[in-house]
Amino acid sequence: MGFAAEVRELTRADHRAAQHVAYFDALLSGQLDRAGYAALLEQLQVVYQTLEEAAEAMREDPVAGPFVVDELRRLPRIAEDLSFLRGPDWAARITPGPATRQYQQRLREVAFTWPAGFVAHHYTRYLGDLSGGQVMARALRRTFGFDTDGVRFFLFPGLDPRTFKQYYRQLLDTVPWDAVERQRFLDEVSWAYRLNTAMLDELGRAVAPGKAA
């Protein structure tokens, strides 16, 4: 088993928990309004602002650098979606929740100076976006009648998801980490999933059906 397959297998439970949260259930079933959906993008803007700053810091690192692919950048996409959903003053509306702040703080602690820590958070965010993006885009289009505006976050023009994920797995399979560092990486992947789940749980409580943001 290559390291990429090992990562996927050993963090399967954390990944599954991050997928099956009440917020996503409500969003995918059409129970939330546009403000409830925009609230997700507002919290993700905070996370990606920090993660993509870390990507610039890691761009020249011999191990982490190859994971930095410009076509993955989500911040411009989030800005376009929030402009569409919230108007030109969208940035002034963003208030990170406590769980989002904790997520952001962990990124600041590990993603700027620890290559494996950066890759752990990069992996959990971007591969999740690539894998679930088309499903999310279809559900949001069905619920809100969107075309491209409003779902740009979930679209990756210029990238073939299957080909890119194969490339990503190859990168993971060739990282030069010893057994101790690989375990630290796996622990950080699990932590990243838990931080994401906490953020989504908090969001679900804030924008429950009938309680729009």
Protein backbone atom coordinates (compact mmCIF):
# COMPACT_ATOMS: atom_id res chain seq x y z
CA MET A 1 0.00 0.00 0.00
CA GLY A 2 1.40 3.40 -1.00
CA PHE A 3 1.41 6.23 1.50
CA ALA A 4 -1.48 8.04 -0.22
CA ALA A 5 -3.68 4.95 0.11
CA GLU A 6 -2.57 4.56 3.71
CA VAL A 7 -3.54 8.16 4.47
CA ARG A 8 -6.96 7.64 2.95
CA GLU A 9 -7.55 4.40 4.85
CA LEU A 10 -6.32 5.59 8.24
CA THR A 11 -8.30 8.85 8.15
CA ARG A 12 -11.48 7.39 6.64
CA ALA A 13 -13.52 7.79 9.82
CA ASP A 14 -12.51 11.45 10.23
CA HIS A 15 -13.31 12.11 6.57
CA ARG A 16 -16.72 10.48 6.88
CA ALA A 17 -17.55 12.51 9.99
CA ALA A 18 -16.65 15.72 8.16
CA GLN A 19 -19.03 14.82 5.33
CA HIS A 20 -22.05 13.83 7.41
CA VAL A 21 -22.84 16.93 9.40
CA ALA A 22 -26.24 18.52 9.88
CA TYR A 23 -25.26 21.67 8.01
CA PHE A 24 -24.46 19.80 4.78
CA ASP A 25 -27.58 17.68 5.14
CA ALA A 26 -29.69 20.84 5.36
CA LEU A 27 -27.86 22.54 2.49
CA LEU A 28 -28.00 19.57 0.13
CA SER A 29 -31.68 18.93 0.85
CA GLY A 30 -32.66 22.53 0.07
CA GLN A 31 -33.57 23.50 3.63
CA LEU A 32 -31.32 26.58 3.78
CA ASP A 33 -31.80 29.89 2.03
CA ARG A 34 -29.10 31.79 0.13
CA ALA A 35 -27.90 33.53 3.29
CA GLY A 36 -27.48 30.16 4.97
CA TYR A 37 -25.34 29.00 2.08
CA ALA A 38 -23.36 32.26 1.94
CA ALA A 39 -22.52 31.78 5.62
CA LEU A 40 -20.45 28.73 4.63
CA LEU A 41 -18.44 30.71 2.10
CA GLU A 42 -17.85 33.47 4.65
CA GLN A 43 -16.27 31.03 7.10
CA LEU A 44 -14.29 29.33 4.32
CA GLN A 45 -12.93 32.70 3.23
CA VAL A 46 -11.19 33.00 6.59
CA VAL A 47 -9.74 29.50 6.33
CA TYR A 48 -8.55 29.87 2.75
CA GLN A 49 -7.10 33.32 3.36
CA THR A 50 -4.73 31.75 5.87
CA LEU A 51 -4.09 28.52 3.95
CA GLU A 52 -3.27 30.33 0.72
CA GLU A 53 -0.96 32.72 2.54
CA ALA A 54 0.79 29.62 3.85
CA ALA A 55 0.98 28.27 0.30
CA GLU A 56 2.98 31.31 -0.74
CA ALA A 57 5.31 30.77 2.21
CA MET A 58 5.77 27.11 1.20
CA ARG A 59 5.99 27.59 -2.54
CA GLU A 60 9.80 27.16 -2.65
CA ASP A 61 9.96 24.31 -0.17
CA PRO A 62 11.35 21.17 -1.88
CA VAL A 63 8.68 18.90 -0.40
CA ALA A 64 5.64 21.13 0.12
CA GLY A 65 6.22 23.32 -2.93
CA PRO A 66 5.01 20.81 -5.56
CA PHE A 67 1.64 20.69 -3.80
CA VAL A 68 1.16 24.43 -4.43
CA VAL A 69 -0.81 24.53 -7.68
CA ASP A 70 -2.26 27.89 -8.68
CA GLU A 71 -5.34 26.35 -10.32
CA LEU A 72 -6.45 25.19 -6.87
CA ARG A 73 -6.69 28.69 -5.40
CA ARG A 74 -10.14 29.25 -3.93
CA LEU A 75 -9.94 32.81 -2.61
CA PRO A 76 -10.76 34.49 -5.95
CA ARG A 77 -13.65 32.06 -6.40
CA ILE A 78 -15.01 32.74 -2.93
CA ALA A 79 -14.82 36.48 -3.57
CA GLU A 80 -16.80 36.11 -6.81
CA ASP A 81 -19.46 33.97 -5.17
CA LEU A 82 -19.85 36.26 -2.17
CA SER A 83 -20.06 39.33 -4.40
CA PHE A 84 -22.90 37.61 -6.22
CA LEU A 85 -24.65 36.42 -3.06
CA ARG A 86 -23.98 39.27 -0.65
CA GLY A 87 -23.13 42.29 -2.76
CA PRO A 88 -19.97 44.40 -3.06
CA ASP A 89 -19.66 44.92 0.70
CA TRP A 90 -19.48 41.18 1.45
CA ALA A 91 -16.09 41.41 3.17
CA ALA A 92 -17.46 43.73 5.86
CA ARG A 93 -20.06 41.10 6.78
CA ILE A 94 -17.61 38.34 7.67
CA THR A 95 -17.38 37.44 11.34
CA PRO A 96 -15.47 34.23 12.00
CA GLY A 97 -17.07 31.94 14.53
CA PRO A 98 -15.04 30.55 17.45
CA ALA A 99 -14.51 27.21 15.66
CA THR A 100 -13.35 29.00 12.52
CA ARG A 101 -10.91 31.07 14.57
CA GLN A 102 -9.55 27.89 16.14
CA TYR A 103 -9.13 26.40 12.66
CA GLN A 104 -7.36 29.53 11.46
CA GLN A 105 -5.10 29.56 14.52
CA ARG A 106 -4.03 25.97 13.92
CA LEU A 107 -3.14 26.85 10.33
CA ARG A 108 -1.02 29.73 11.58
CA GLU A 109 0.73 27.42 14.02
CA VAL A 110 1.68 24.65 11.61
CA ALA A 111 1.17 25.53 7.93
CA PHE A 112 3.75 28.31 7.50
CA THR A 113 6.85 26.57 8.86
CA TRP A 114 6.18 22.83 8.94
CA PRO A 115 5.98 21.29 5.44
CA ALA A 116 4.10 18.17 6.52
CA GLY A 117 1.65 20.28 8.51
CA PHE A 118 0.97 22.45 5.48
CA VAL A 119 0.44 19.41 3.27
CA ALA A 120 -1.91 17.85 5.84
CA HIS A 121 -4.24 20.84 5.74
CA HIS A 122 -3.79 21.31 1.99
CA TYR A 123 -4.78 17.68 1.44
CA THR A 124 -7.91 17.79 3.58
CA ARG A 125 -9.20 21.00 2.02
CA TYR A 126 -8.40 20.86 -1.67
CA LEU A 127 -8.88 17.15 -2.32
CA GLY A 128 -12.19 17.38 -0.51
CA ASP A 129 -13.20 20.32 -2.68
CA LEU A 130 -12.23 18.47 -5.84
CA SER A 131 -13.98 15.26 -4.84
CA GLY A 132 -17.25 16.78 -3.67
CA GLY A 133 -17.38 19.94 -5.72
CA GLN A 134 -19.47 18.69 -8.59
CA VAL A 135 -22.05 17.14 -6.26
CA MET A 136 -22.32 20.38 -4.30
CA ALA A 137 -22.59 22.51 -7.44
CA ARG A 138 -25.42 20.35 -8.82
CA ALA A 139 -27.33 20.49 -5.53
CA LEU A 140 -26.97 24.27 -5.24
CA ARG A 141 -28.01 24.80 -8.84
CA ARG A 142 -31.08 22.66 -8.24
CA THR A 143 -32.01 24.52 -5.04
CA PHE A 144 -31.25 28.10 -6.05
CA GLY A 145 -31.33 28.05 -9.85
CA PHE A 146 -27.69 29.07 -10.12
CA ASP A 147 -25.74 28.71 -13.34
CA THR A 148 -22.07 29.51 -12.69
CA ASP A 149 -22.44 32.54 -10.42
CA GLY A 150 -22.83 31.34 -6.86
CA VAL A 151 -21.03 28.01 -7.30
CA ARG A 152 -17.63 29.10 -8.60
CA PHE A 153 -16.00 27.90 -5.39
CA PHE A 154 -16.80 24.32 -6.38
CA LEU A 155 -15.52 24.60 -9.95
CA PHE A 156 -11.93 24.01 -11.07
CA PRO A 157 -11.58 25.10 -14.70
CA GLY A 158 -8.34 23.89 -16.20
CA LEU A 159 -8.06 20.90 -13.87
CA ASP A 160 -9.30 17.39 -14.56
CA PRO A 161 -10.15 16.11 -11.06
CA ARG A 162 -9.29 12.48 -11.76
CA THR A 163 -5.93 13.27 -13.35
CA PHE A 164 -5.03 15.80 -10.69
CA LYS A 165 -5.90 13.47 -7.81
CA GLN A 166 -3.68 10.84 -9.37
CA TYR A 167 -0.85 13.40 -9.52
CA TYR A 168 -1.51 14.34 -5.90
CA ARG A 169 -1.39 10.72 -4.75
CA GLN A 170 1.93 10.32 -6.53
CA LEU A 171 3.30 13.31 -4.63
CA LEU A 172 2.20 11.79 -1.33
CA ASP A 173 3.70 8.43 -2.25
CA THR A 174 7.11 10.02 -2.78
CA VAL A 175 7.40 12.34 0.24
CA PRO A 176 10.76 11.73 1.96
CA TRP A 177 9.36 11.58 5.49
CA ASP A 178 10.43 8.90 7.94
CA ALA A 179 7.93 6.84 9.94
CA VAL A 180 7.75 9.38 12.76
CA GLU A 181 7.05 12.29 10.42
CA ARG A 182 4.47 10.28 8.50
CA GLN A 183 2.63 9.59 11.74
CA ARG A 184 2.77 13.28 12.66
CA PHE A 185 1.30 14.04 9.24
CA LEU A 186 -1.51 11.51 9.74
CA ASP A 187 -2.28 13.00 13.15
CA GLU A 188 -2.48 16.47 11.61
CA VAL A 189 -4.78 15.26 8.83
CA SER A 190 -7.13 13.88 11.48
CA TRP A 191 -6.91 17.17 13.40
CA ALA A 192 -7.69 19.12 10.23
CA TYR A 193 -10.79 17.03 9.61
CA ARG A 194 -11.94 17.58 13.19
CA LEU A 195 -11.41 21.33 12.93
CA ASN A 196 -13.47 21.39 9.74
CA THR A 197 -16.22 19.33 11.36
CA ALA A 198 -16.34 21.67 14.36
CA MET A 199 -16.64 24.66 12.04
CA LEU A 200 -19.51 23.03 10.15
CA ASP A 201 -21.28 21.99 13.35
CA GLU A 202 -21.07 25.55 14.62
CA LEU A 203 -22.34 26.85 11.30
CA GLY A 204 -25.24 24.41 11.38
CA ARG A 205 -26.33 25.73 14.75
CA ALA A 206 -26.10 29.33 13.54
CA VAL A 207 -28.05 28.89 10.29
CA ALA A 208 -30.44 26.08 11.08
CA PRO A 209 -33.55 26.01 8.84
CA GLY A 210 -35.65 29.01 9.72
CA LYS A 211 -32.67 30.79 11.27
CA ALA A 212 -30.92 32.43 8.31
CA ALA A 213 -27.63 34.26 8.73
